[in-house]
């Protein structure tokens, strides 16, 4: 036998000529659905719940109770698909405090509660963003390399200068927030003229990478080959292979480039 449900719904007085506003009926309907869901989710028999459908207030589709989601902090009910899309959209917008989809509700959703219904990548990004927000600014360290930008934490008392990124394993200066400058002290590097030159150097390196330029192994000057043989004669008179960067010799043939 199915579970017995009861819900007290206010009715209009027969002697009252004033109609009941629509929002009261809407609230009653919502309360009834929530009562049904609360009762059915504790049912041990799938057969007892198969005939019931709950309306999702976002997509307006009626779905089985096992496909619905309700946070313990509020009574609003939505389907799992809509909750998943709602969370993902907020995380994409860099909003880490994700609240209930109901516009009148300020209840915050939590990653662990939503873990089973959101993509793993969204769960990781959401969790990392919450952790990052909880860390004091002076403890935050970001990898300066544009193709990495990993977030790290300085949990020690002393400031860090030379550091290795835990993700890309490249060295950088945590004080200057730039790739490691081994031959220069931070105070010298942070001078305006030095920083300007460093920015120009980084821009040149980025351009060389995009244009597939090769750096001369001898003088470190960038060389661009437009066409023809990979045999390069640099302005410093050093001869090398444009494909692999090794010293050129008459026997250097069949080079396939750097792997």
Protein backbone atom coordinates (compact mmCIF):
# COMPACT_ATOMS: atom_id res chain seq x y z
CA UNK A 1 0.00 0.00 0.00
CA UNK A 2 1.30 3.43 -0.89
CA UNK A 3 2.10 6.03 1.74
CA UNK A 4 -0.76 8.20 2.98
CA UNK A 5 -0.19 11.89 2.39
CA UNK A 6 -2.06 14.74 3.97
CA UNK A 7 -1.81 18.42 3.33
CA UNK A 8 -4.02 21.12 4.79
CA UNK A 9 -4.95 23.63 2.08
CA UNK A 10 -6.98 26.74 3.04
CA UNK A 11 -10.33 27.11 1.28
CA UNK A 12 -12.42 30.18 0.63
CA UNK A 13 -15.32 30.88 2.93
CA UNK A 14 -18.60 30.31 1.07
CA UNK A 15 -19.87 33.58 2.48
CA UNK A 16 -16.81 35.53 1.30
CA UNK A 17 -17.23 37.10 -2.14
CA UNK A 18 -13.56 38.07 -2.44
CA UNK A 19 -11.65 35.62 -4.66
CA UNK A 20 -8.43 34.07 -3.37
CA UNK A 21 -5.38 35.55 -5.13
CA UNK A 22 -3.54 33.29 -7.57
CA UNK A 23 -0.31 33.38 -5.58
CA UNK A 24 -2.02 31.57 -2.68
CA UNK A 25 -2.91 28.69 -4.99
CA UNK A 26 0.65 28.69 -6.30
CA UNK A 27 2.03 28.50 -2.76
CA UNK A 28 -0.37 25.70 -1.90
CA UNK A 29 0.67 23.76 -5.00
CA UNK A 30 4.33 24.21 -4.16
CA UNK A 31 3.79 23.09 -0.56
CA UNK A 32 1.94 20.02 -1.78
CA UNK A 33 4.74 19.09 -4.20
CA UNK A 34 7.33 19.57 -1.48
CA UNK A 35 5.34 17.40 0.91
CA UNK A 36 5.08 14.68 -1.73
CA UNK A 37 8.78 14.84 -2.51
CA UNK A 38 9.77 14.81 1.17
CA UNK A 39 7.62 11.76 1.76
CA UNK A 40 8.57 9.87 -1.38
CA UNK A 41 12.33 10.24 -1.12
CA UNK A 42 12.19 8.11 2.03
CA UNK A 43 10.24 5.35 0.34
CA UNK A 44 12.00 2.00 0.11
CA UNK A 45 10.00 0.79 -2.86
CA UNK A 46 10.58 2.17 -6.38
CA UNK A 47 7.14 0.96 -7.36
CA UNK A 48 5.50 3.28 -4.86
CA UNK A 49 7.04 6.40 -6.48
CA UNK A 50 6.84 5.50 -10.14
CA UNK A 51 3.48 7.21 -10.70
CA UNK A 52 4.35 10.56 -9.18
CA UNK A 53 5.82 13.54 -11.01
CA UNK A 54 7.18 16.78 -9.56
CA UNK A 55 7.15 20.07 -11.46
CA UNK A 56 10.53 21.80 -11.88
CA UNK A 57 10.05 25.55 -11.58
CA UNK A 58 12.94 26.26 -13.96
CA UNK A 59 12.34 24.07 -17.01
CA UNK A 60 8.61 23.59 -16.15
CA UNK A 61 8.90 19.84 -16.83
CA UNK A 62 7.39 17.20 -14.57
CA UNK A 63 9.90 14.58 -13.50
CA UNK A 64 10.12 11.62 -11.15
CA UNK A 65 11.11 12.40 -7.53
CA UNK A 66 14.46 10.63 -7.87
CA UNK A 67 15.42 13.16 -10.58
CA UNK A 68 14.68 16.14 -8.36
CA UNK A 69 16.97 18.15 -6.09
CA UNK A 70 16.21 19.99 -2.87
CA UNK A 71 18.79 21.63 -0.64
CA UNK A 72 18.41 21.03 3.09
CA UNK A 73 18.64 24.77 3.70
CA UNK A 74 15.41 25.63 1.87
CA UNK A 75 12.22 24.01 0.58
CA UNK A 76 12.54 24.84 -3.13
CA UNK A 77 12.55 21.88 -5.51
CA UNK A 78 14.20 21.75 -8.95
CA UNK A 79 15.27 18.98 -11.27
CA UNK A 80 18.88 17.83 -11.11
CA UNK A 81 19.58 18.88 -14.71
CA UNK A 82 18.56 22.48 -14.02
CA UNK A 83 20.59 22.62 -10.82
CA UNK A 84 23.63 21.31 -12.69
CA UNK A 85 23.27 23.93 -15.44
CA UNK A 86 22.63 26.65 -12.84
CA UNK A 87 25.82 25.85 -10.93
CA UNK A 88 27.94 25.55 -14.09
CA UNK A 89 26.70 28.93 -15.38
CA UNK A 90 27.57 30.64 -12.08
CA UNK A 91 31.03 29.07 -11.93
CA UNK A 92 31.67 30.14 -15.55
CA UNK A 93 30.82 33.70 -14.45
CA UNK A 94 33.32 33.40 -11.56
CA UNK A 95 30.50 33.55 -9.04
CA UNK A 96 31.56 31.25 -6.21
CA UNK A 97 28.65 31.84 -3.82
CA UNK A 98 25.98 29.95 -5.75
CA UNK A 99 22.50 30.42 -4.33
CA UNK A 100 19.22 28.60 -4.85
CA UNK A 101 17.75 29.25 -8.35
CA UNK A 102 14.66 30.76 -6.74
CA UNK A 103 15.12 34.54 -7.05
CA UNK A 104 13.63 35.16 -3.61
CA UNK A 105 15.90 32.64 -1.85
CA UNK A 106 19.39 33.39 -0.53
CA UNK A 107 20.25 29.83 0.51
CA UNK A 108 23.78 28.98 -0.65
CA UNK A 109 24.45 25.69 -2.41
CA UNK A 110 27.56 23.72 -1.48
CA UNK A 111 29.89 21.75 -3.76
CA UNK A 112 29.64 18.54 -1.73
CA UNK A 113 25.83 18.60 -1.81
CA UNK A 114 25.84 19.04 -5.60
CA UNK A 115 28.82 16.78 -6.34
CA UNK A 116 26.77 13.85 -7.65
CA UNK A 117 24.83 15.94 -10.19
CA UNK A 118 27.42 18.38 -11.57
CA UNK A 119 30.35 17.63 -13.94
CA UNK A 120 33.60 16.78 -12.14
CA UNK A 121 35.42 19.69 -13.82
CA UNK A 122 32.81 22.13 -12.54
CA UNK A 123 33.07 20.63 -9.05
CA UNK A 124 36.86 21.05 -9.06
CA UNK A 125 36.74 24.63 -10.35
CA UNK A 126 34.08 25.56 -7.83
CA UNK A 127 36.00 24.02 -4.93
CA UNK A 128 39.28 25.61 -5.98
CA UNK A 129 37.63 29.03 -6.30
CA UNK A 130 36.15 28.73 -2.80
CA UNK A 131 39.53 27.73 -1.37
CA UNK A 132 41.22 30.62 -3.15
CA UNK A 133 38.66 33.08 -1.80
CA UNK A 134 39.27 31.85 1.75
CA UNK A 135 43.03 32.52 1.56
CA UNK A 136 44.44 35.87 2.61
CA UNK A 137 45.83 37.96 -0.24
CA UNK A 138 49.40 37.94 1.07
CA UNK A 139 49.39 34.13 1.02
CA UNK A 140 48.25 33.80 -2.59
CA UNK A 141 50.82 32.98 -5.26
CA UNK A 142 50.07 32.59 -8.97
CA UNK A 143 52.35 31.14 -11.61
CA UNK A 144 53.30 34.08 -13.90
CA UNK A 145 53.46 31.99 -17.07
CA UNK A 146 50.41 32.71 -19.22
CA UNK A 147 50.00 29.10 -20.29
CA UNK A 148 49.81 27.95 -16.66
CA UNK A 149 48.62 30.56 -14.09
CA UNK A 150 48.36 27.88 -11.38
CA UNK A 151 47.24 29.00 -7.92
CA UNK A 152 49.51 28.18 -4.98
CA UNK A 153 49.61 28.97 -1.28
CA UNK A 154 52.46 30.25 0.86
CA UNK A 155 51.61 28.74 4.23
CA UNK A 156 54.94 29.74 5.80
CA UNK A 157 55.79 32.88 7.73
CA UNK A 158 58.75 33.95 5.60
CA UNK A 159 58.27 35.58 2.17
CA UNK A 160 59.24 33.44 -0.84
CA UNK A 161 61.52 34.69 -3.60
CA UNK A 162 62.66 31.83 -5.84
CA UNK A 163 59.81 29.37 -6.35
CA UNK A 164 58.96 26.42 -8.54
CA UNK A 165 55.44 26.13 -9.93
CA UNK A 166 53.80 22.96 -8.63
CA UNK A 167 51.98 22.55 -11.93
CA UNK A 168 54.36 23.42 -14.79
CA UNK A 169 57.59 23.04 -12.73
CA UNK A 170 59.09 26.28 -14.06
CA UNK A 171 60.97 28.69 -11.81
CA UNK A 172 59.63 32.15 -11.05
CA UNK A 173 60.08 35.01 -8.61
CA UNK A 174 57.21 35.12 -6.14
CA UNK A 175 58.10 38.66 -5.10
CA UNK A 176 58.24 40.20 -8.58
CA UNK A 177 55.59 37.83 -9.99
CA UNK A 178 57.63 37.13 -13.12
CA UNK A 179 59.76 34.27 -14.51
CA UNK A 180 62.90 33.74 -12.45
CA UNK A 181 65.61 36.41 -12.84
CA UNK A 182 68.65 34.55 -11.53
CA UNK A 183 71.24 37.21 -12.37
CA UNK A 184 69.42 40.15 -10.81
CA UNK A 185 68.20 41.08 -7.34
CA UNK A 186 64.52 41.95 -6.93
CA UNK A 187 65.25 45.59 -6.07
CA UNK A 188 67.20 45.95 -9.33
CA UNK A 189 64.65 44.09 -11.36
CA UNK A 190 61.80 46.22 -10.04
CA UNK A 191 63.33 49.46 -11.28
CA UNK A 192 61.08 51.05 -13.94
CA UNK A 193 63.65 50.80 -16.73
CA UNK A 194 64.33 47.15 -15.91
CA UNK A 195 60.65 46.23 -15.81
CA UNK A 196 60.09 47.93 -19.14
CA UNK A 197 62.93 45.98 -20.72
CA UNK A 198 61.62 42.76 -19.20
CA UNK A 199 58.14 43.36 -20.64
CA UNK A 200 59.67 44.01 -24.05
CA UNK A 201 61.72 40.82 -23.80
CA UNK A 202 58.65 38.79 -22.85
CA UNK A 203 56.72 40.26 -25.77
CA UNK A 204 59.56 39.32 -28.12
CA UNK A 205 59.68 35.77 -26.76
CA UNK A 206 55.93 35.43 -27.23
CA UNK A 207 56.19 36.73 -30.81
CA UNK A 208 59.07 34.36 -31.57
CA UNK A 209 57.05 31.45 -30.24
CA UNK A 210 54.03 32.31 -32.36
CA UNK A 211 56.15 32.83 -35.49
CA UNK A 212 58.28 29.70 -34.90
CA UNK A 213 61.51 31.67 -34.88
CA UNK A 214 64.73 29.90 -33.91
CA UNK A 215 67.30 31.32 -31.47
CA UNK A 216 70.94 31.11 -32.52
CA UNK A 217 72.72 28.69 -30.13
CA UNK A 218 75.79 30.94 -30.15
CA UNK A 219 74.64 34.57 -29.80
CA UNK A 220 71.02 33.87 -28.68
CA UNK A 221 69.68 36.22 -31.37
CA UNK A 222 66.34 35.24 -32.93
CA UNK A 223 66.51 34.19 -36.57
CA UNK A 224 63.59 33.81 -38.97
CA UNK A 225 63.74 31.57 -42.00
CA UNK A 226 61.21 32.35 -44.70
CA UNK A 227 62.06 29.59 -47.17
CA UNK A 228 64.79 27.32 -48.48
CA UNK A 229 67.40 25.14 -46.82
CA UNK A 230 67.47 24.79 -42.99
CA UNK A 231 71.18 25.68 -43.08
CA UNK A 232 71.41 29.04 -41.28
CA UNK A 233 74.37 31.41 -41.22
CA UNK A 234 73.75 33.79 -38.33
CA UNK A 235 75.04 37.37 -38.23
CA UNK A 236 77.59 36.16 -35.65
CA UNK A 237 78.89 33.77 -38.36
CA UNK A 238 77.72 30.71 -36.47
CA UNK A 239 76.17 28.00 -38.67
CA UNK A 240 73.32 25.86 -37.33
CA UNK A 241 70.28 23.87 -38.37
CA UNK A 242 67.04 25.86 -38.25
CA UNK A 243 65.01 22.73 -37.60
CA UNK A 244 66.81 21.29 -34.58
CA UNK A 245 69.24 24.04 -33.50
CA UNK A 246 72.35 21.85 -33.67
CA UNK A 247 75.68 22.97 -35.14
CA UNK A 248 75.64 22.63 -38.92
CA UNK A 249 77.95 20.18 -40.67
CA UNK A 250 78.07 18.77 -44.22
CA UNK A 251 76.89 15.42 -42.87
CA UNK A 252 73.85 16.96 -41.17
CA UNK A 253 71.03 15.58 -43.32
CA UNK A 254 67.59 14.13 -42.80
CA UNK A 255 66.86 16.28 -39.73
CA UNK A 256 63.24 16.02 -38.60
CA UNK A 257 63.37 18.91 -36.19
CA UNK A 258 63.01 19.02 -32.43
CA UNK A 259 60.68 16.36 -31.05
